[in-house]
């Protein structure tokens, strides 16, 4: 009977160690720059696994309108597109299209995470 009680904690320890080893994903981080005279840019990519994420930085000014549109062959439930406002406010992560009059000047982050793996995407970002 004692062996059962010793075996269970060891199994939990090994399972936790294995899960920790698998929890390190890849983060791809890039700045979105607009071509001279252009107000929009398009980026394509693939998030390979549910523990990976792609983060895009966009510099914008207070009062400008930021529009972000994501298209993907996968349904909405398979990926998160989030918009992070500078200053630590709660990110917007509810849909694939955002149009927002910007409350602050700063570095806005757009990030994409796969819920199921992998997910191909195209995002178009415009600032006016």
C-alpha atoms as a PDB file:
ATOM      1  CA  UNK A   1       0.000   0.000   0.000  1.00  0.00           C
ATOM      2  CA  UNK A   2       2.878   2.401   0.723  1.00  0.00           C
ATOM      3  CA  UNK A   3       4.173   2.071  -2.836  1.00  0.00           C
ATOM      4  CA  UNK A   4       0.971   3.556  -4.272  1.00  0.00           C
ATOM      5  CA  UNK A   5       1.389   6.710  -2.219  1.00  0.00           C
ATOM      6  CA  UNK A   6       5.035   7.110  -3.230  1.00  0.00           C
ATOM      7  CA  UNK A   7       4.315   6.373  -6.903  1.00  0.00           C
ATOM      8  CA  UNK A   8       1.596   9.035  -7.267  1.00  0.00           C
ATOM      9  CA  UNK A   9       3.746  12.009  -6.140  1.00  0.00           C
ATOM     10  CA  UNK A  10       6.547  10.852  -8.451  1.00  0.00           C
ATOM     11  CA  UNK A  11       4.137  10.665 -11.408  1.00  0.00           C
ATOM     12  CA  UNK A  12       2.889  14.186 -10.644  1.00  0.00           C
ATOM     13  CA  UNK A  13       6.470  15.452 -10.437  1.00  0.00           C
ATOM     14  CA  UNK A  14       7.415  13.890 -13.804  1.00  0.00           C
ATOM     15  CA  UNK A  15       4.240  15.155 -15.472  1.00  0.00           C
ATOM     16  CA  UNK A  16       4.929  18.702 -14.224  1.00  0.00           C
ATOM     17  CA  UNK A  17       8.520  18.549 -15.472  1.00  0.00           C
ATOM     18  CA  UNK A  18       7.399  17.320 -18.886  1.00  0.00           C
ATOM     19  CA  UNK A  19       4.727  20.027 -19.145  1.00  0.00           C
ATOM     20  CA  UNK A  20       7.277  22.692 -18.188  1.00  0.00           C
ATOM     21  CA  UNK A  21       9.624  21.501 -20.910  1.00  0.00           C
ATOM     22  CA  UNK A  22       6.840  21.815 -23.486  1.00  0.00           C
ATOM     23  CA  UNK A  23       5.649  25.275 -22.419  1.00  0.00           C
ATOM     24  CA  UNK A  24       8.418  27.243 -24.131  1.00  0.00           C
ATOM     25  CA  UNK A  25       7.071  28.624 -27.362  1.00  0.00           C
ATOM     26  CA  UNK A  26       8.569  30.817 -30.025  1.00  0.00           C
ATOM     27  CA  UNK A  27       7.815  34.528 -30.076  1.00  0.00           C
ATOM     28  CA  UNK A  28       8.260  36.334 -33.383  1.00  0.00           C
ATOM     29  CA  UNK A  29       8.409  40.093 -32.897  1.00  0.00           C
ATOM     30  CA  UNK A  30       8.475  42.655 -35.725  1.00  0.00           C
ATOM     31  CA  UNK A  31       7.818  46.329 -36.291  1.00  0.00           C
ATOM     32  CA  UNK A  32       5.303  47.235 -38.965  1.00  0.00           C
ATOM     33  CA  UNK A  33       6.620  50.056 -41.102  1.00  0.00           C
ATOM     34  CA  UNK A  34       4.657  51.791 -43.816  1.00  0.00           C
ATOM     35  CA  UNK A  35       6.153  52.455 -47.236  1.00  0.00           C
ATOM     36  CA  UNK A  36       6.705  56.136 -48.006  1.00  0.00           C
ATOM     37  CA  UNK A  37       3.377  57.809 -48.750  1.00  0.00           C
ATOM     38  CA  UNK A  38       1.346  54.743 -47.666  1.00  0.00           C
ATOM     39  CA  UNK A  39      -1.034  54.466 -44.722  1.00  0.00           C
ATOM     40  CA  UNK A  40      -1.376  50.676 -44.681  1.00  0.00           C
ATOM     41  CA  UNK A  41       0.796  47.572 -44.635  1.00  0.00           C
ATOM     42  CA  UNK A  42       0.054  43.854 -44.983  1.00  0.00           C
ATOM     43  CA  UNK A  43       1.876  41.057 -43.180  1.00  0.00           C
ATOM     44  CA  UNK A  44       1.531  37.304 -43.773  1.00  0.00           C
ATOM     45  CA  UNK A  45       2.642  34.525 -41.484  1.00  0.00           C
ATOM     46  CA  UNK A  46       1.983  31.213 -39.780  1.00  0.00           C
ATOM     47  CA  UNK A  47       1.837  30.587 -36.052  1.00  0.00           C
ATOM     48  CA  UNK A  48       3.121  27.028 -35.898  1.00  0.00           C
ATOM     49  CA  UNK A  49       1.858  25.940 -32.489  1.00  0.00           C
ATOM     50  CA  UNK A  50      -0.503  26.974 -29.729  1.00  0.00           C
ATOM     51  CA  UNK A  51       2.413  28.024 -27.523  1.00  0.00           C
ATOM     52  CA  UNK A  52       3.887  30.339 -30.159  1.00  0.00           C
ATOM     53  CA  UNK A  53       2.913  33.946 -30.782  1.00  0.00           C
ATOM     54  CA  UNK A  54       3.593  36.677 -33.305  1.00  0.00           C
ATOM     55  CA  UNK A  55       3.794  40.259 -32.059  1.00  0.00           C
ATOM     56  CA  UNK A  56       3.762  43.314 -34.302  1.00  0.00           C
ATOM     57  CA  UNK A  57       4.575  46.831 -33.112  1.00  0.00           C
ATOM     58  CA  UNK A  58       2.996  49.897 -34.684  1.00  0.00           C
ATOM     59  CA  UNK A  59       3.934  53.429 -33.723  1.00  0.00           C
ATOM     60  CA  UNK A  60       0.929  55.761 -33.832  1.00  0.00           C
ATOM     61  CA  UNK A  61      -0.284  59.078 -32.459  1.00  0.00           C
ATOM     62  CA  UNK A  62      -3.202  60.050 -30.270  1.00  0.00           C
ATOM     63  CA  UNK A  63      -6.274  60.877 -32.344  1.00  0.00           C
ATOM     64  CA  UNK A  64      -5.277  58.744 -35.332  1.00  0.00           C
ATOM     65  CA  UNK A  65      -7.516  55.862 -36.379  1.00  0.00           C
ATOM     66  CA  UNK A  66      -5.933  52.424 -36.337  1.00  0.00           C
ATOM     67  CA  UNK A  67      -7.599  49.668 -38.331  1.00  0.00           C
ATOM     68  CA  UNK A  68      -6.454  46.041 -38.042  1.00  0.00           C
ATOM     69  CA  UNK A  69      -8.010  43.272 -40.138  1.00  0.00           C
ATOM     70  CA  UNK A  70      -6.982  39.621 -39.893  1.00  0.00           C
ATOM     71  CA  UNK A  71      -7.960  36.968 -42.401  1.00  0.00           C
ATOM     72  CA  UNK A  72      -7.306  33.274 -42.004  1.00  0.00           C
ATOM     73  CA  UNK A  73      -8.660  30.059 -43.463  1.00  0.00           C
ATOM     74  CA  UNK A  74      -9.279  28.925 -39.874  1.00  0.00           C
ATOM     75  CA  UNK A  75     -12.376  29.988 -37.888  1.00  0.00           C
ATOM     76  CA  UNK A  76     -12.216  32.662 -35.184  1.00  0.00           C
ATOM     77  CA  UNK A  77     -12.164  30.060 -32.413  1.00  0.00           C
ATOM     78  CA  UNK A  78      -8.779  28.819 -33.692  1.00  0.00           C
ATOM     79  CA  UNK A  79      -6.810  32.038 -33.185  1.00  0.00           C
ATOM     80  CA  UNK A  80      -6.602  35.153 -31.060  1.00  0.00           C
ATOM     81  CA  UNK A  81      -5.876  38.545 -32.562  1.00  0.00           C
ATOM     82  CA  UNK A  82      -5.253  41.007 -29.759  1.00  0.00           C
ATOM     83  CA  UNK A  83      -4.575  44.727 -29.749  1.00  0.00           C
ATOM     84  CA  UNK A  84      -2.604  46.127 -26.817  1.00  0.00           C
ATOM     85  CA  UNK A  85      -2.883  49.835 -26.053  1.00  0.00           C
ATOM     86  CA  UNK A  86       0.237  51.507 -24.587  1.00  0.00           C
ATOM     87  CA  UNK A  87       0.132  52.053 -20.853  1.00  0.00           C
ATOM     88  CA  UNK A  88      -0.871  48.591 -19.727  1.00  0.00           C
ATOM     89  CA  UNK A  89      -4.588  48.698 -20.428  1.00  0.00           C
ATOM     90  CA  UNK A  90      -6.434  45.421 -20.913  1.00  0.00           C
ATOM     91  CA  UNK A  91      -5.869  44.082 -24.465  1.00  0.00           C
ATOM     92  CA  UNK A  92      -8.740  43.819 -26.931  1.00  0.00           C
ATOM     93  CA  UNK A  93      -9.025  40.140 -27.945  1.00  0.00           C
ATOM     94  CA  UNK A  94     -12.581  39.529 -29.091  1.00  0.00           C
ATOM     95  CA  UNK A  95     -12.572  39.591 -32.868  1.00  0.00           C
ATOM     96  CA  UNK A  96     -10.493  39.802 -36.056  1.00  0.00           C
ATOM     97  CA  UNK A  97     -11.320  43.361 -37.095  1.00  0.00           C
ATOM     98  CA  UNK A  98     -10.623  46.447 -35.019  1.00  0.00           C
ATOM     99  CA  UNK A  99     -11.111  50.105 -35.839  1.00  0.00           C
ATOM    100  CA  UNK A 100     -10.061  52.334 -32.985  1.00  0.00           C
ATOM    101  CA  UNK A 101      -9.509  56.053 -32.527  1.00  0.00           C
ATOM    102  CA  UNK A 102      -6.252  56.008 -30.594  1.00  0.00           C
ATOM    103  CA  UNK A 103      -6.354  57.364 -27.051  1.00  0.00           C
ATOM    104  CA  UNK A 104      -2.570  57.727 -26.689  1.00  0.00           C
ATOM    105  CA  UNK A 105       0.630  58.248 -28.646  1.00  0.00           C
ATOM    106  CA  UNK A 106       2.882  55.224 -28.413  1.00  0.00           C
ATOM    107  CA  UNK A 107       3.798  51.716 -29.491  1.00  0.00           C
ATOM    108  CA  UNK A 108       0.681  49.639 -30.105  1.00  0.00           C
ATOM    109  CA  UNK A 109       1.068  45.854 -30.130  1.00  0.00           C
ATOM    110  CA  UNK A 110      -0.867  43.454 -32.286  1.00  0.00           C
ATOM    111  CA  UNK A 111      -0.416  39.836 -31.364  1.00  0.00           C
ATOM    112  CA  UNK A 112      -1.632  36.591 -32.797  1.00  0.00           C
ATOM    113  CA  UNK A 113      -1.813  33.285 -30.956  1.00  0.00           C
ATOM    114  CA  UNK A 114      -3.059  29.942 -32.220  1.00  0.00           C
ATOM    115  CA  UNK A 115      -5.655  28.084 -30.200  1.00  0.00           C
ATOM    116  CA  UNK A 116      -5.271  25.038 -32.410  1.00  0.00           C
ATOM    117  CA  UNK A 117      -2.150  24.542 -34.448  1.00  0.00           C
ATOM    118  CA  UNK A 118      -0.943  25.769 -36.930  1.00  0.00           C
ATOM    119  CA  UNK A 119      -2.723  28.888 -38.187  1.00  0.00           C
ATOM    120  CA  UNK A 120      -1.932  30.860 -41.336  1.00  0.00           C
ATOM    121  CA  UNK A 121      -2.934  34.516 -41.310  1.00  0.00           C
ATOM    122  CA  UNK A 122      -2.795  37.796 -43.183  1.00  0.00           C
ATOM    123  CA  UNK A 123      -3.137  41.065 -41.276  1.00  0.00           C
ATOM    124  CA  UNK A 124      -3.610  44.463 -42.805  1.00  0.00           C
ATOM    125  CA  UNK A 125      -2.872  47.470 -40.605  1.00  0.00           C
ATOM    126  CA  UNK A 126      -3.784  51.012 -41.552  1.00  0.00           C
ATOM    127  CA  UNK A 127      -3.382  54.321 -39.742  1.00  0.00           C
ATOM    128  CA  UNK A 128      -5.112  57.518 -40.784  1.00  0.00           C
END
